[in-house]
Protein backbone atom coordinates (compact mmCIF):
# COMPACT_ATOMS: atom_id res chain seq x y z
CA UNK A 1 0.00 0.00 0.00
CA UNK A 2 2.86 2.39 0.74
CA UNK A 3 4.21 2.05 -2.80
CA UNK A 4 0.76 2.71 -4.28
CA UNK A 5 0.37 5.68 -1.96
CA UNK A 6 3.60 7.18 -3.28
CA UNK A 7 2.75 6.42 -6.92
CA UNK A 8 -0.89 7.54 -6.91
CA UNK A 9 -1.28 9.91 -3.98
CA UNK A 10 -4.06 7.66 -2.74
CA UNK A 11 -5.19 7.22 0.84
CA UNK A 12 -3.96 3.96 2.43
CA UNK A 13 -5.86 2.10 5.11
CA UNK A 14 -5.55 -1.21 6.93
CA UNK A 15 -8.09 -3.25 8.88
CA UNK A 16 -7.90 -6.25 11.15
CA UNK A 17 -10.34 -8.81 9.72
CA UNK A 18 -11.87 -9.52 13.12
CA UNK A 19 -12.58 -5.81 13.71
CA UNK A 20 -14.59 -5.34 10.50
CA UNK A 21 -18.34 -5.40 11.24
CA UNK A 22 -19.36 -5.96 7.57
CA UNK A 23 -16.49 -7.20 5.42
CA UNK A 24 -18.68 -7.63 2.33
CA UNK A 25 -19.86 -4.01 2.49
CA UNK A 26 -16.30 -2.76 3.00
CA UNK A 27 -14.97 -4.66 -0.03
CA UNK A 28 -17.80 -3.42 -2.26
CA UNK A 29 -17.33 0.18 -1.12
CA UNK A 30 -13.61 0.00 -1.92
CA UNK A 31 -14.20 -1.63 -5.31
CA UNK A 32 -16.77 1.05 -6.15
CA UNK A 33 -14.07 3.67 -5.48
CA UNK A 34 -11.67 1.72 -7.72
CA UNK A 35 -9.36 1.21 -4.81
CA UNK A 36 -6.44 -1.20 -4.92
CA UNK A 37 -7.22 -3.87 -2.31
CA UNK A 38 -5.02 -6.55 -0.80
CA UNK A 39 -5.26 -9.10 1.99
CA UNK A 40 -2.73 -11.15 3.91
CA UNK A 41 -2.38 -13.79 6.58
CA UNK A 42 -0.05 -13.26 9.51
CA UNK A 43 2.47 -15.98 10.23
CA UNK A 44 5.74 -16.45 12.05
CA UNK A 45 7.76 -13.52 10.76
CA UNK A 46 11.04 -15.29 11.52
CA UNK A 47 10.16 -18.06 9.04
CA UNK A 48 9.18 -15.70 6.22
CA UNK A 49 6.56 -16.78 3.72
CA UNK A 50 5.11 -20.20 4.44
CA UNK A 51 2.48 -22.31 2.66
CA UNK A 52 -0.48 -23.25 4.87
CA UNK A 53 -2.64 -26.38 4.54
CA UNK A 54 -5.33 -24.22 2.91
CA UNK A 55 -2.97 -23.33 0.06
CA UNK A 56 -2.63 -19.73 1.30
CA UNK A 57 0.88 -18.43 1.88
CA UNK A 58 1.33 -16.58 5.20
CA UNK A 59 3.23 -13.27 5.32
CA UNK A 60 2.36 -12.77 1.65
CA UNK A 61 0.08 -10.13 0.06
CA UNK A 62 -2.80 -11.07 -2.27
CA UNK A 63 -4.92 -8.79 -4.41
CA UNK A 64 -8.75 -8.62 -4.30
CA UNK A 65 -10.14 -8.13 -7.81
CA UNK A 66 -13.90 -8.57 -7.75
CA UNK A 67 -16.89 -9.33 -5.53
CA UNK A 68 -20.05 -11.07 -6.85
CA UNK A 69 -23.20 -11.94 -4.94
CA UNK A 70 -25.86 -14.51 -5.89
CA UNK A 71 -28.60 -13.37 -3.55
CA UNK A 72 -31.05 -16.15 -4.33
CA UNK A 73 -28.46 -18.71 -3.31
CA UNK A 74 -27.01 -16.70 -0.42
CA UNK A 75 -23.52 -16.94 -1.95
CA UNK A 76 -21.00 -14.07 -1.84
CA UNK A 77 -17.76 -14.70 -3.71
CA UNK A 78 -14.55 -12.70 -3.76
CA UNK A 79 -11.91 -13.10 -6.46
CA UNK A 80 -8.34 -13.32 -5.12
CA UNK A 81 -5.10 -13.07 -7.07
CA UNK A 82 -1.57 -14.01 -6.13
CA UNK A 83 0.68 -11.30 -7.63
CA UNK A 84 3.16 -14.06 -8.57
CA UNK A 85 0.58 -15.17 -11.19
CA UNK A 86 1.25 -18.84 -10.49
CA UNK A 87 2.03 -21.29 -7.75
CA UNK A 88 -0.09 -22.73 -4.98
CA UNK A 89 -3.71 -21.67 -4.71
CA UNK A 90 -6.60 -21.78 -2.29
CA UNK A 91 -7.90 -25.35 -1.99
CA UNK A 92 -11.10 -24.76 0.00
CA UNK A 93 -14.67 -24.06 -1.07
CA UNK A 94 -15.03 -22.64 -4.61
CA UNK A 95 -11.36 -23.25 -5.30
CA UNK A 96 -10.49 -24.32 -8.88
CA UNK A 97 -10.68 -27.97 -7.89
CA UNK A 98 -13.86 -27.80 -5.80
CA UNK A 99 -16.37 -29.14 -8.36
CA UNK A 100 -18.96 -29.76 -5.65
CA UNK A 101 -19.24 -26.07 -4.75
CA UNK A 102 -19.20 -24.97 -8.38
CA UNK A 103 -22.08 -27.34 -9.14
CA UNK A 104 -24.27 -25.07 -6.98
CA UNK A 105 -24.08 -22.44 -9.75
CA UNK A 106 -25.62 -22.55 -13.20
CA UNK A 107 -23.59 -22.22 -16.38
CA UNK A 108 -24.80 -18.63 -16.76
CA UNK A 109 -23.79 -17.79 -13.21
CA UNK A 110 -20.38 -19.35 -13.71
CA UNK A 111 -19.96 -17.35 -16.90
CA UNK A 112 -20.61 -14.17 -14.87
CA UNK A 113 -17.44 -15.07 -12.98
CA UNK A 114 -15.42 -15.20 -16.18
CA UNK A 115 -15.56 -18.88 -17.02
CA UNK A 116 -15.89 -22.25 -15.39
CA UNK A 117 -13.48 -21.36 -12.65
CA UNK A 118 -13.22 -24.95 -11.55
CA UNK A 119 -10.39 -26.32 -13.68
CA UNK A 120 -7.93 -27.99 -11.27
CA UNK A 121 -5.18 -27.75 -13.87
CA UNK A 122 -5.46 -23.97 -14.22
CA UNK A 123 -2.74 -22.60 -11.92
CA UNK A 124 -2.86 -18.90 -12.86
CA UNK A 125 -2.73 -17.63 -9.28
CA UNK A 126 -6.37 -16.48 -9.40
CA UNK A 127 -9.33 -18.06 -7.63
CA UNK A 128 -12.70 -17.42 -5.99
CA UNK A 129 -13.59 -17.93 -2.34
CA UNK A 130 -16.55 -17.23 -0.08
CA UNK A 131 -16.33 -13.95 1.82
CA UNK A 132 -16.69 -15.82 5.14
CA UNK A 133 -13.68 -17.99 4.20
CA UNK A 134 -11.77 -14.83 3.33
CA UNK A 135 -12.42 -13.48 6.83
CA UNK A 136 -11.56 -16.82 8.43
CA UNK A 137 -8.27 -17.51 6.61
CA UNK A 138 -6.82 -13.99 6.26
CA UNK A 139 -5.73 -11.64 9.05
CA UNK A 140 -5.82 -8.18 7.50
CA UNK A 141 -7.20 -6.28 4.54
CA UNK A 142 -5.64 -3.11 3.18
CA UNK A 143 -6.48 -0.66 0.44
CA UNK A 144 -5.18 2.41 -1.34
CA UNK A 145 -8.12 4.66 -2.20
CA UNK A 146 -7.70 6.95 -5.24
CA UNK A 147 -9.47 9.89 -3.64
CA UNK A 148 -7.79 12.40 -5.99
CA UNK A 149 -9.36 10.71 -9.01
CA UNK A 150 -12.89 10.69 -7.61
CA UNK A 151 -15.11 13.69 -8.39
CA UNK A 152 -17.27 13.21 -5.31
CA UNK A 153 -14.39 13.76 -2.90
CA UNK A 154 -12.71 17.05 -1.97
CA UNK A 155 -9.19 16.77 -0.59
CA UNK A 156 -7.30 19.29 1.57
CA UNK A 157 -3.61 18.71 2.24
CA UNK A 158 -1.56 20.02 5.16
CA UNK A 159 2.21 19.66 4.86
CA UNK A 160 3.89 20.65 8.10
CA UNK A 161 6.07 19.42 10.95
CA UNK A 162 5.91 18.75 14.67
CA UNK A 163 8.43 20.40 16.98
CA UNK A 164 9.12 19.97 20.67
CA UNK A 165 6.11 22.09 21.57
CA UNK A 166 3.56 21.11 18.91
CA UNK A 167 4.78 17.51 19.01
CA UNK A 168 4.29 16.89 22.73
CA UNK A 169 3.10 13.33 23.28
CA UNK A 170 -0.38 13.10 24.78
CA UNK A 171 -0.93 16.88 24.58
CA UNK A 172 -3.50 16.84 21.76
CA UNK A 173 -4.50 20.47 22.25
CA UNK A 174 -0.91 21.55 21.41
CA UNK A 175 -0.62 19.32 18.34
CA UNK A 176 -1.25 20.96 14.93
CA UNK A 177 -4.92 21.68 14.27
CA UNK A 178 -6.97 22.55 11.22
CA UNK A 179 -10.63 23.57 11.17
CA UNK A 180 -13.00 22.32 8.51
CA UNK A 181 -16.12 24.32 7.68
CA UNK A 182 -18.91 23.68 5.18
CA UNK A 183 -19.29 26.12 2.30
CA UNK A 184 -22.29 26.71 0.06
CA UNK A 185 -23.28 24.08 -2.48
CA UNK A 186 -22.71 20.36 -2.28
CA UNK A 187 -25.26 17.64 -1.79
CA UNK A 188 -27.98 18.17 0.74
CA UNK A 189 -27.79 14.89 2.67
CA UNK A 190 -27.66 15.23 6.42
CA UNK A 191 -24.72 12.83 6.94
CA UNK A 192 -21.29 13.84 5.68
CA UNK A 193 -18.33 11.48 5.20
CA UNK A 194 -14.96 12.77 6.39
CA UNK A 195 -11.70 10.88 5.89
CA UNK A 196 -8.39 11.90 7.48
CA UNK A 197 -5.01 10.30 6.76
CA UNK A 198 -1.97 11.30 8.83
CA UNK A 199 1.39 10.35 7.28
CA UNK A 200 4.83 10.59 8.85
CA UNK A 201 8.27 9.97 7.38
CA UNK A 202 8.81 6.35 6.34
CA UNK A 203 10.92 4.08 8.53
CA UNK A 204 13.04 3.50 5.45
CA UNK A 205 14.11 7.15 5.65
CA UNK A 206 14.23 7.74 9.40
CA UNK A 207 14.16 5.54 12.48
CA UNK A 208 12.51 8.38 14.43
CA UNK A 209 8.94 7.18 14.11
CA UNK A 210 6.40 8.75 16.41
CA UNK A 211 3.20 7.33 17.82
CA UNK A 212 0.55 9.04 15.69
CA UNK A 213 -3.23 9.12 15.28
CA UNK A 214 -5.50 11.77 13.75
CA UNK A 215 -8.49 12.98 15.73
CA UNK A 216 -11.74 14.55 14.52
CA UNK A 217 -13.83 16.46 17.04
CA UNK A 218 -16.26 19.33 17.39
CA UNK A 219 -16.09 22.18 19.87
CA UNK A 220 -14.97 24.85 17.39
CA UNK A 221 -16.39 28.11 18.75
CA UNK A 222 -14.53 30.34 16.32
CA UNK A 223 -12.84 29.04 13.18
CA UNK A 224 -9.10 29.62 13.38
CA UNK A 225 -8.93 29.73 17.19
CA UNK A 226 -7.36 26.70 18.85
CA UNK A 227 -9.65 24.18 20.51
CA UNK A 228 -8.25 23.30 23.94
CA UNK A 229 -10.67 20.62 25.08
CA UNK A 230 -9.46 17.90 22.74
CA UNK A 231 -9.63 14.29 23.94
CA UNK A 232 -8.87 10.91 22.43
CA UNK A 233 -12.50 9.86 22.81
CA UNK A 234 -14.59 12.54 21.11
CA UNK A 235 -18.30 12.33 20.48
CA UNK A 236 -17.68 11.82 16.76
CA UNK A 237 -15.42 8.80 16.99
CA UNK A 238 -13.51 6.69 19.50
CA UNK A 239 -9.78 6.79 18.92
CA UNK A 240 -8.00 3.46 18.44
CA UNK A 241 -4.52 2.85 19.80
CA UNK A 242 -1.94 5.07 18.17
CA UNK A 243 0.49 3.56 15.68
CA UNK A 244 4.17 4.00 14.85
CA UNK A 245 3.45 3.00 11.24
CA UNK A 246 3.79 5.44 8.39
CA UNK A 247 0.04 6.12 8.11
CA UNK A 248 -2.91 6.42 10.47
CA UNK A 249 -6.40 6.86 9.02
CA UNK A 250 -9.80 7.79 10.47
CA UNK A 251 -13.09 7.84 8.56
CA UNK A 252 -16.38 9.01 10.08
CA UNK A 253 -19.90 10.01 9.15
CA UNK A 254 -21.08 13.11 10.96
CA UNK A 255 -24.01 15.48 10.76
CA UNK A 256 -23.88 18.78 8.94
CA UNK A 257 -24.68 20.40 12.27
CA UNK A 258 -21.39 19.03 13.68
CA UNK A 259 -19.42 21.45 11.50
CA UNK A 260 -17.10 23.25 11.79
CA UNK A 261 -14.84 20.34 12.72
CA UNK A 262 -11.46 20.36 14.43
CA UNK A 263 -8.93 17.91 12.96
CA UNK A 264 -5.78 17.21 15.00
CA UNK A 265 -2.48 15.69 13.86
CA UNK A 266 -2.14 13.75 17.11
CA UNK A 267 1.17 12.66 18.66
CA UNK A 268 1.44 10.18 21.53
CA UNK A 269 4.15 8.49 23.56
CA UNK A 270 7.31 10.48 24.17
CA UNK A 271 6.75 12.91 21.31
CA UNK A 272 9.41 14.87 19.44
CA UNK A 273 11.25 15.69 22.66
CA UNK A 274 12.28 12.03 23.09
CA UNK A 275 13.37 11.10 19.56
CA UNK A 276 16.40 8.82 19.62
CA UNK A 277 18.24 10.94 17.05
CA UNK A 278 17.74 14.11 19.08
CA UNK A 279 15.99 15.75 16.11
CA UNK A 280 14.08 18.93 16.92
CA UNK A 281 11.39 18.44 14.28
CA UNK A 282 9.48 15.66 12.51
CA UNK A 283 7.71 16.21 9.18
CA UNK A 284 4.21 15.01 8.38
CA UNK A 285 1.40 15.29 5.85
CA UNK A 286 -2.29 15.22 6.71
CA UNK A 287 -4.97 14.68 4.06
CA UNK A 288 -8.47 15.79 5.00
CA UNK A 289 -11.09 14.51 2.55
CA UNK A 290 -14.82 15.25 2.43
CA UNK A 291 -17.39 13.50 0.25
CA UNK A 292 -20.11 15.33 -1.71
CA UNK A 293 -19.60 18.65 0.08
CA UNK A 294 -17.73 21.87 -0.57
CA UNK A 295 -15.52 22.66 2.38
CA UNK A 296 -12.82 25.07 3.47
CA UNK A 297 -9.83 24.10 5.61
CA UNK A 298 -8.32 26.73 7.93
CA UNK A 299 -4.94 26.20 9.60
CA UNK A 300 -4.89 27.14 13.28
CA UNK A 301 -1.81 29.30 13.75
CA UNK A 302 -0.58 31.89 16.22
CA UNK A 303 1.08 31.36 19.57
CA UNK A 304 0.39 28.22 21.53
CA UNK A 305 -1.85 28.65 24.58
CA UNK A 306 0.05 29.39 27.75
CA UNK A 307 -0.67 29.17 31.45
CA UNK A 308 -1.81 32.51 32.89
CA UNK A 309 0.46 32.07 35.90
CA UNK A 310 3.81 30.59 34.79
CA UNK A 311 3.53 31.79 31.14
CA UNK A 312 4.71 28.39 29.85
CA UNK A 313 2.95 26.29 27.20
CA UNK A 314 -0.33 25.02 28.63
CA UNK A 315 0.01 21.27 29.18
CA UNK A 316 -2.11 18.68 30.92
CA UNK A 317 -3.01 18.31 33.72
CA UNK A 318 -4.81 21.63 33.98
CA UNK A 319 -7.71 23.24 35.85
CA UNK A 320 -10.42 25.47 34.39
CA UNK A 321 -11.51 28.43 36.51
CA UNK A 322 -14.45 30.81 36.21
CA UNK A 323 -14.58 32.64 32.91
CA UNK A 324 -13.00 29.73 31.05
CA UNK A 325 -9.48 30.55 32.29
CA UNK A 326 -7.28 27.42 32.17
CA UNK A 327 -4.04 27.08 34.14
CA UNK A 328 -1.71 24.23 35.06
CA UNK A 329 -2.95 22.22 38.02
CA UNK A 330 0.21 23.10 39.92
CA UNK A 331 -0.46 26.82 39.25
CA UNK A 332 -4.12 26.71 40.28
CA UNK A 333 -3.63 27.94 43.85
CA UNK A 334 -1.40 30.78 42.67
CA UNK A 335 -4.04 31.83 40.13
CA UNK A 336 -6.75 31.79 42.78
CA UNK A 337 -4.63 34.05 44.95
CA UNK A 338 -3.87 36.42 42.07
CA UNK A 339 -7.51 36.86 41.11
CA UNK A 340 -9.26 36.53 44.46
CA UNK A 341 -10.49 39.46 46.55
CA UNK A 342 -7.69 40.82 48.70
CA UNK A 343 -7.51 40.52 52.46
CA UNK A 344 -8.06 43.90 54.16
CA UNK A 345 -5.25 43.11 56.57
CA UNK A 346 -2.37 41.45 54.63
CA UNK A 347 -3.38 42.42 51.08
CA UNK A 348 -3.00 38.86 49.76
CA UNK A 349 -5.62 36.90 47.81
CA UNK A 350 -8.40 35.30 49.80
CA UNK A 351 -8.12 31.56 49.21
CA UNK A 352 -9.96 29.59 51.84
CA UNK A 353 -12.13 30.66 54.76
CA UNK A 354 -12.57 34.33 55.54
CA UNK A 355 -14.71 36.86 57.43
CA UNK A 356 -16.62 39.75 55.92
CA UNK A 357 -15.76 43.01 57.60
CA UNK A 358 -16.85 46.54 56.61
CA UNK A 359 -17.49 45.78 52.94
CA UNK A 360 -14.34 43.72 52.61
CA UNK A 361 -12.92 40.34 53.56
CA UNK A 362 -10.25 39.18 55.99
CA UNK A 363 -8.49 35.79 56.27
CA UNK A 364 -10.00 33.68 59.04
CA UNK A 365 -6.76 33.27 60.99
CA UNK A 366 -4.08 35.61 62.30
CA UNK A 367 -5.22 38.29 59.83
CA UNK A 368 -8.69 38.46 61.35
CA UNK A 369 -7.28 38.80 64.83
CA UNK A 370 -4.95 41.57 63.69
CA UNK A 371 -7.74 43.33 61.82
CA UNK A 372 -10.04 43.24 64.84
CA UNK A 373 -7.29 44.55 67.06
CA UNK A 374 -6.38 47.34 64.63
CA UNK A 375 -9.97 48.47 64.10
CA UNK A 376 -11.46 47.95 67.57
CA UNK A 377 -12.16 50.79 70.05
CA UNK A 378 -9.24 51.45 72.36
CA UNK A 379 -9.27 51.14 76.13
CA UNK A 380 -9.29 54.58 77.81
CA UNK A 381 -6.77 53.34 80.34
CA UNK A 382 -4.17 51.14 78.55
CA UNK A 383 -4.79 52.27 74.97
CA UNK A 384 -5.06 48.69 73.69
CA UNK A 385 -7.91 47.21 71.61
CA UNK A 386 -11.05 46.35 73.50
CA UNK A 387 -11.99 42.84 72.22
CA UNK A 388 -13.40 41.14 75.29
CA UNK A 389 -15.55 42.18 78.24
CA UNK A 390 -15.41 45.86 79.09
CA UNK A 391 -17.23 48.77 80.72
CA UNK A 392 -18.56 51.80 78.83
CA UNK A 393 -17.19 54.85 80.66
CA UNK A 394 -17.63 58.50 79.68
CA UNK A 395 -18.27 57.72 75.98
CA UNK A 396 -15.34 55.30 75.82
CA UNK A 397 -14.53 51.76 76.82
CA UNK A 398 -12.36 50.30 79.56
CA UNK A 399 -11.20 46.69 79.92
CA UNK A 400 -12.69 44.67 82.70
CA UNK A 401 -10.19 43.76 85.40
CA UNK A 402 -7.12 45.84 86.14
CA UNK A 403 -8.01 48.63 83.69
CA UNK A 404 -11.43 49.35 85.15
CA UNK A 405 -9.89 49.36 88.61
CA UNK A 406 -7.27 51.88 87.48
CA UNK A 407 -9.98 54.00 85.85
CA UNK A 408 -12.09 54.02 88.94
CA UNK A 409 -9.10 55.03 91.04
CA UNK A 410 -8.21 57.83 88.64
CA UNK A 411 -11.70 59.27 88.47
CA UNK A 412 -12.78 58.82 92.13
CA UNK A 413 -12.87 61.70 94.67
CA UNK A 414 -9.63 62.07 96.63
CA UNK A 415 -9.30 61.64 100.38
CA UNK A 416 -8.83 65.02 102.11
CA UNK A 417 -6.37 63.38 104.42
CA UNK A 418 -4.08 61.14 102.32
CA UNK A 419 -4.91 62.45 98.83
CA UNK A 420 -5.68 58.98 97.48
CA UNK A 421 -8.86 57.84 95.75
CA UNK A 422 -11.80 57.17 98.01
CA UNK A 423 -12.99 53.72 96.90
CA UNK A 424 -14.48 52.21 100.05
CA UNK A 425 -16.25 53.56 103.15
CA UNK A 426 -15.57 57.16 103.98
CA UNK A 427 -16.71 60.21 105.91
CA UNK A 428 -17.92 63.40 104.32
CA UNK A 429 -16.35 66.35 106.06
CA UNK A 430 -16.40 70.01 105.03
CA UNK A 431 -17.57 69.09 101.45
CA UNK A 432 -14.82 66.52 101.03
CA UNK A 433 -14.31 62.84 101.70
CA UNK A 434 -11.98 61.06 104.06
CA UNK A 435 -11.23 57.35 104.22
CA UNK A 436 -12.59 55.48 107.14
CA UNK A 437 -9.90 54.16 109.43
CA UNK A 438 -6.48 55.74 109.68
CA UNK A 439 -7.34 58.72 107.51
CA UNK A 440 -10.37 59.80 109.53
CA UNK A 441 -8.34 59.29 112.71
CA UNK A 442 -5.54 61.41 111.36
CA UNK A 443 -8.06 64.07 110.32
CA UNK A 444 -9.63 64.10 113.72
CA UNK A 445 -6.20 64.27 115.37
CA UNK A 446 -5.23 67.13 113.13
CA UNK A 447 -8.41 69.16 113.59
CA UNK A 448 -9.09 68.51 117.33
CA UNK A 449 -8.43 71.18 120.08
CA UNK A 450 -4.94 70.98 121.65
CA UNK A 451 -4.26 70.37 125.34
CA UNK A 452 -2.97 73.62 126.94
CA UNK A 453 -0.49 71.53 128.91
CA UNK A 454 0.94 68.84 126.58
CA UNK A 455 -0.16 70.50 123.30
CA UNK A 456 -1.60 67.24 121.99
CA UNK A 457 -5.07 66.73 120.57
CA UNK A 458 -7.78 66.50 123.14
CA UNK A 459 -9.75 63.37 122.16
CA UNK A 460 -11.11 61.93 125.37
CA UNK A 461 -12.17 63.45 128.70
CA UNK A 462 -10.82 66.91 129.36
CA UNK A 463 -11.18 70.02 131.49
CA UNK A 464 -12.34 73.23 129.94
CA UNK A 465 -10.26 75.92 131.55
CA UNK A 466 -12.03 79.23 131.29
CA UNK A 467 -10.29 81.68 129.16
CA UNK A 468 -7.43 79.30 128.48
CA UNK A 469 -8.71 76.27 126.60
CA UNK A 470 -8.86 72.53 127.23
CA UNK A 471 -6.54 70.10 128.90
CA UNK A 472 -6.46 66.38 129.39
CA UNK A 473 -7.67 65.03 132.69
CA UNK A 474 -4.26 63.52 133.26
CA UNK A 475 -2.65 66.86 132.47
CA UNK A 476 -4.87 68.93 134.82
CA UNK A 477 -2.70 68.40 137.89
CA UNK A 478 0.20 69.94 136.10
CA UNK A 479 -1.47 73.31 135.79
CA UNK A 480 0.14 75.99 137.93
C-alpha cells in the first residue's frame, strides 16, 4: 500500500479482519471507489513466507479483484489473485478444484465469474472464495483509495512538521490543528463522510517514528482559534490505539450540524522531545477529505496557549476556573490568589475561609485577629484594643479587670487626708471625703483642740479651763 500511496497519492488504510463489522460491504465500497485492495495472513515472521494447509501463503500479500453476490443462493464470492501469477492456490470451497461447490451455480452464473473457474489444472494464481472464508483464513485487509481521481471527494492537504512544543506526546490540544467548515453548495444529505489520513516519514528514511493518530472532534467556537478541550474519545469517533506506522487513518460520518470540525495531527508516547536521534522536528502530511460537500480548511496558527500564571505552554493536567481561564494544576492555587479578593489586613488573595468586615474580607486566621485589634475601640486606660468584656465609661470603653480598677481610682474623689482615691467607706467632712480608718483618725487628730499643757489633741475626757482652753484630765494636775 505504501508504494501505491507514493505512486498515486491515494489514501492507504488497513483493517484487522476480526474488527470489521461488515467485510462484504467494505470490499464493495472500496471496489466502487476503484481502490487497490489486498489481503494477507499473519504468520511467524522469523520463518518468512510459508504455505499453509489451505494453500494460502502466510506473510504474503494477495490482491482482491472482484466481488459477486448470488442473492437467491445466499452466496457471496470474492476473487483473489496471487501477484506471482502462479504457484499454490486456495484449496477450499469454490477453489479451482472444488467441483462440488461450483455445481451449486448454473452455467450462466459461472460465466458471470469469467468462465468455469473450476479447472484444477489452471494454476494462474487467481481463484474465488466465499467472503466468510476470506475473513476466516486472512488476518488483514488493506487498500489504497484513489481519492484524488474521484469527483465526489474534496481533498485538503496540510504539509507541516511537529516540533518539541507542537509535538508533545499526549498533549493533543498543542498538536497541529486545522478547522473544517462547510461552504455553500454540495449535496444536501444530512450525513457527511470525512476521511483523514496522517502520514509521517517512512521508517526507510528515518528511524525516528512517532506514535501518531488523527483525531476529529467538534467544539470549534470560532474558526481559526485553537480548541483546547481535545480528547482521544470525542463524540464523533472513539480513537484506536496510536500507531508508529507510516500512516494512520480515520473515517467518520457526521451530521452537517457538527461542523465546523477540528482535525488534529495527534502525537502520543514520548513525542518529538524524546526522539532517539535528538531531532528537533518531525515532518508530516495530513490529508483531510470530504465526500459530496464543498468545504474550506483553515490552519490554526498563532502562539500556543500558555498558562496565565507561569507563562509556559499550557500542558495537561490543567484546571479550568471561572470565565474559562485554564491554568496548570500546579499553578491553580497561585491563580486563585492572584484573582481573588484581597484581604483587608495582609493584602494577599483570599483563598480559603474568611470573614466579611466593613465591605471587605479578611483571612480567618491571624489576619482576622490583627484586623479586629487594629480596628477595635481602644481602652481609655491602657490604649489597647477592647476585644473582650469591658465597661462603657464617659463615651469610651475600659477593659474589665485591672483597667477598670485603674480608671475608677483615677476618676474617684480624693481623700482630704491622704490624697488617694476614696474607693471604700468614707466620711464626708467640710464638702470633702476622708477614708474610714487611719485617715479619719488622722483628720480628727489634726483638727481637734490641743491640750494647753501637753499640746496634743484632746480626744477623750478633758477640762475646759475658762479663758485658756482645754486640757487632758491627766494633764490637769500639772497646771500651775
